[in-house]
Amino acid sequence: MEKTAGSPEKKLQILQAATNLIKTKGLQALSFEAVSAEAGLSRQLVRYYYSDLDMLIVALCDHLGNGYREILVAGIVEVSQVQRLGFFLDFFFDLADDHPMPDNLEVYDSLLAYAVGSDTLKNRLCDQYKTLGQVIVHELAIAHPELDGHACEELSYLFVSMMHAHWSYVASLGYSRAHSRLTRNAIDRLIASYVNDASRVPVIERPWSRDA
């Protein structure tokens, strides 16, 4: 049956088209004309949902984030509480065999470039990464109760930074995915260095703080 103009399916169709367009042709190819052609919809319908590209990009950011969360939730229910940290770290370096990451990492890298000129997208990405950091803080506290809260905050920031930089090199620049194991092992060594040095002094007062 034909979907109505206001159906969620049309919105999803547009977001998937934008994802495919950026992934295959780059952010510079993004336009309402290109998205409508990719989606097989009229330009007017695309503009009905998203009146400007900023709105479309922010919706795309949310769409991609939801995809990651769905896979993570599916994997979490299969592991015990003490194993969750390992699953999270494996997943974000695409080493969780039964729960592969979505194949859209180049798109996330493009979003960072677009955020330079969009405060709305910049804030949305910061919220997403900080939420991920908070999850990692929680899992670190469970797996390593000997770590204090500040150490967990620092490690969560370092993990997210390394994870994003890793995929910028691998997905966007084309380095081999074999480097995933290298970076994943580096995370374990980094955590161990914090665990083994209980006397360390915090480097900054507030990890995850932003300039005003």
Protein backbone atom coordinates (compact mmCIF):
# COMPACT_ATOMS: atom_id res chain seq x y z
CA MET A 1 0.00 0.00 0.00
CA GLU A 2 1.27 3.49 -0.82
CA LYS A 3 2.70 5.31 2.23
CA THR A 4 1.33 8.71 3.08
CA ALA A 5 3.51 11.82 2.83
CA GLY A 6 3.72 11.94 6.61
CA SER A 7 4.78 8.33 7.10
CA PRO A 8 7.90 7.46 9.14
CA GLU A 9 9.00 5.20 6.29
CA LYS A 10 9.51 8.19 4.00
CA LYS A 11 11.60 9.94 6.62
CA LEU A 12 13.75 6.83 7.04
CA GLN A 13 14.07 6.57 3.27
CA ILE A 14 15.43 10.12 3.12
CA LEU A 15 17.93 9.54 5.94
CA GLN A 16 19.17 6.31 4.39
CA ALA A 17 19.58 8.09 1.06
CA ALA A 18 21.61 10.86 2.74
CA THR A 19 23.76 8.22 4.44
CA ASN A 20 24.45 6.41 1.16
CA LEU A 21 25.16 9.66 -0.65
CA ILE A 22 27.75 10.87 1.86
CA LYS A 23 29.30 7.41 2.14
CA THR A 24 29.79 6.99 -1.62
CA LYS A 25 30.31 10.57 -2.85
CA GLY A 26 31.33 12.58 0.20
CA LEU A 27 29.83 15.49 2.08
CA GLN A 28 30.46 17.85 -0.83
CA ALA A 29 27.82 15.98 -2.86
CA LEU A 30 25.07 16.59 -0.30
CA SER A 31 22.18 18.64 -1.67
CA PHE A 32 18.41 18.36 -1.75
CA GLU A 33 18.58 17.45 -5.41
CA ALA A 34 21.09 14.66 -4.79
CA VAL A 35 19.23 13.30 -1.74
CA SER A 36 15.90 13.27 -3.56
CA ALA A 37 17.45 11.46 -6.53
CA GLU A 38 19.12 8.91 -4.24
CA ALA A 39 15.87 8.35 -2.33
CA GLY A 40 13.68 8.22 -5.42
CA LEU A 41 11.47 10.95 -3.99
CA SER A 42 10.59 14.45 -5.07
CA ARG A 43 12.69 17.38 -3.90
CA GLN A 44 9.51 18.94 -2.52
CA LEU A 45 8.86 15.91 -0.29
CA VAL A 46 12.41 15.97 1.06
CA ARG A 47 12.01 19.67 1.83
CA TYR A 48 8.65 18.91 3.48
CA TYR A 49 10.52 16.95 6.15
CA TYR A 50 13.75 18.96 6.25
CA SER A 51 13.51 22.64 5.38
CA ASP A 52 17.30 23.13 5.33
CA LEU A 53 20.42 21.00 5.21
CA ASP A 54 21.25 21.70 8.86
CA MET A 55 17.98 20.08 9.90
CA LEU A 56 18.65 17.09 7.65
CA ILE A 57 22.20 16.64 8.96
CA VAL A 58 21.12 16.79 12.61
CA ALA A 59 18.38 14.24 11.93
CA LEU A 60 20.97 12.07 10.19
CA CYS A 61 23.21 12.31 13.27
CA ASP A 62 20.35 11.07 15.46
CA HIS A 63 19.52 8.31 12.96
CA LEU A 64 23.10 7.01 12.95
CA GLY A 65 23.33 7.18 16.74
CA ASN A 66 20.12 5.18 17.13
CA GLY A 67 21.54 2.48 14.87
CA TYR A 68 24.57 2.05 17.10
CA ARG A 69 22.44 1.96 20.24
CA GLU A 70 20.19 -0.77 18.84
CA ILE A 71 23.15 -3.03 18.11
CA LEU A 72 24.70 -2.33 21.52
CA VAL A 73 21.48 -3.13 23.38
CA ALA A 74 21.15 -6.39 21.47
CA GLY A 75 24.69 -7.37 22.48
CA ILE A 76 24.48 -6.29 26.11
CA VAL A 77 21.71 -8.76 26.90
CA GLU A 78 24.01 -11.59 25.83
CA VAL A 79 26.91 -10.85 28.19
CA SER A 80 27.27 -10.77 31.96
CA GLN A 81 27.74 -7.52 33.82
CA VAL A 82 31.48 -8.05 34.34
CA GLN A 83 31.95 -8.75 30.62
CA ARG A 84 30.13 -5.67 29.38
CA LEU A 85 33.17 -3.39 29.29
CA GLY A 86 34.99 -5.83 27.03
CA PHE A 87 31.97 -6.05 24.75
CA PHE A 88 31.67 -2.26 24.50
CA LEU A 89 35.35 -1.88 23.63
CA ASP A 90 35.28 -4.77 21.14
CA PHE A 91 32.17 -3.39 19.48
CA PHE A 92 33.56 0.08 18.91
CA PHE A 93 36.63 -1.36 17.20
CA ASP A 94 34.47 -3.78 15.17
CA LEU A 95 35.84 -6.85 16.94
CA ALA A 96 32.51 -8.14 18.31
CA ASP A 97 31.94 -10.84 15.69
CA ASP A 98 28.23 -11.35 16.34
CA HIS A 99 27.48 -7.62 16.50
CA PRO A 100 29.32 -5.80 13.69
CA MET A 101 29.31 -2.02 13.58
CA PRO A 102 27.14 -0.32 10.96
CA ASP A 103 28.97 0.26 7.70
CA ASN A 104 28.70 4.05 7.81
CA LEU A 105 31.81 5.20 9.62
CA GLU A 106 32.83 7.59 6.84
CA VAL A 107 29.53 9.39 7.34
CA TYR A 108 30.25 10.05 11.01
CA ASP A 109 33.63 11.47 10.02
CA SER A 110 31.90 13.78 7.56
CA LEU A 111 29.55 14.98 10.28
CA LEU A 112 32.53 16.28 12.26
CA ALA A 113 33.59 18.33 9.26
CA TYR A 114 30.09 19.72 8.79
CA ALA A 115 29.89 20.61 12.49
CA VAL A 116 32.59 23.25 12.00
CA GLY A 117 29.91 25.50 10.52
CA SER A 118 26.89 24.25 12.47
CA ASP A 119 26.59 24.84 16.20
CA THR A 120 23.43 22.71 16.30
CA LEU A 121 25.22 19.68 14.90
CA LYS A 122 28.30 20.36 17.01
CA ASN A 123 26.19 20.32 20.18
CA ARG A 124 24.37 17.17 19.10
CA LEU A 125 27.61 15.33 18.41
CA CYS A 126 29.06 16.50 21.73
CA ASP A 127 25.97 15.17 23.50
CA GLN A 128 26.26 11.82 21.74
CA TYR A 129 29.94 11.39 22.52
CA LYS A 130 29.51 12.53 26.12
CA THR A 131 26.66 10.04 26.58
CA LEU A 132 28.93 7.31 25.24
CA GLY A 133 31.61 8.50 27.64
CA GLN A 134 29.20 8.27 30.57
CA VAL A 135 28.36 4.70 29.61
CA ILE A 136 32.06 3.82 29.52
CA VAL A 137 32.56 5.48 32.93
CA HIS A 138 29.80 3.26 34.35
CA GLU A 139 31.25 0.10 32.81
CA LEU A 140 34.79 0.96 33.95
CA ALA A 141 33.54 1.42 37.51
CA ILE A 142 31.93 -2.04 37.42
CA ALA A 143 34.89 -3.81 35.83
CA HIS A 144 37.55 -1.94 37.82
CA PRO A 145 36.16 -0.81 41.19
CA GLU A 146 39.68 0.16 42.23
CA LEU A 147 39.54 3.12 39.84
CA ASP A 148 38.21 6.38 41.23
CA GLY A 149 35.61 8.44 39.42
CA HIS A 150 38.09 10.91 37.99
CA ALA A 151 40.21 8.15 36.49
CA CYS A 152 37.12 6.66 34.86
CA GLU A 153 36.22 10.06 33.41
CA GLU A 154 39.69 10.51 31.95
CA LEU A 155 39.72 7.01 30.49
CA SER A 156 36.29 7.48 28.96
CA TYR A 157 37.43 10.66 27.21
CA LEU A 158 40.62 8.99 25.98
CA PHE A 159 38.67 5.99 24.70
CA VAL A 160 36.19 8.10 22.72
CA SER A 161 39.05 10.22 21.32
CA MET A 162 41.03 7.16 20.24
CA MET A 163 37.95 5.46 18.82
CA HIS A 164 36.99 8.41 16.66
CA ALA A 165 40.55 9.04 15.47
CA HIS A 166 40.96 5.33 14.68
CA TRP A 167 37.94 5.25 12.38
CA SER A 168 38.95 8.52 10.74
CA TYR A 169 42.13 6.76 9.65
CA VAL A 170 40.59 3.40 8.81
CA ALA A 171 37.19 4.25 7.33
CA SER A 172 37.94 7.64 5.80
CA LEU A 173 41.62 7.31 4.84
CA GLY A 174 41.57 3.62 3.98
CA TYR A 175 44.04 2.07 6.39
CA SER A 176 43.56 -1.64 7.00
CA ARG A 177 40.94 -2.69 9.56
CA ALA A 178 43.64 -4.94 10.99
CA HIS A 179 44.64 -1.84 12.94
CA SER A 180 41.50 -2.34 15.04
CA ARG A 181 43.29 -4.96 17.11
CA LEU A 182 46.24 -2.62 17.60
CA THR A 183 44.06 0.20 18.93
CA ARG A 184 41.88 -2.13 20.98
CA ASN A 185 44.96 -3.57 22.69
CA ALA A 186 46.22 -0.04 23.34
CA ILE A 187 42.98 0.69 25.21
CA ASP A 188 43.55 -2.34 27.45
CA ARG A 189 47.11 -1.19 28.16
CA LEU A 190 45.89 2.32 28.89
CA ILE A 191 43.31 1.03 31.39
CA ALA A 192 45.95 -1.18 33.01
CA SER A 193 48.27 1.81 33.40
CA TYR A 194 45.56 3.64 35.35
CA VAL A 195 44.81 0.57 37.48
CA ASN A 196 48.49 0.10 38.30
CA ASP A 197 49.08 3.74 39.27
CA ALA A 198 46.64 4.53 42.07
CA SER A 199 48.68 7.58 43.13
CA ARG A 200 48.33 9.49 39.88
CA VAL A 201 47.22 13.13 39.99
CA PRO A 202 44.36 14.20 37.69
CA VAL A 203 45.64 16.04 34.63
CA ILE A 204 42.63 18.33 34.30
CA GLU A 205 39.89 19.19 36.75
CA ARG A 206 36.91 18.40 34.55
CA PRO A 207 37.23 15.83 31.76
CA TRP A 208 34.61 16.36 29.02
CA SER A 209 34.31 20.11 29.80
CA ARG A 210 33.91 22.45 26.81
CA ASP A 211 35.13 25.99 26.21
CA ALA A 212 32.45 28.60 26.75
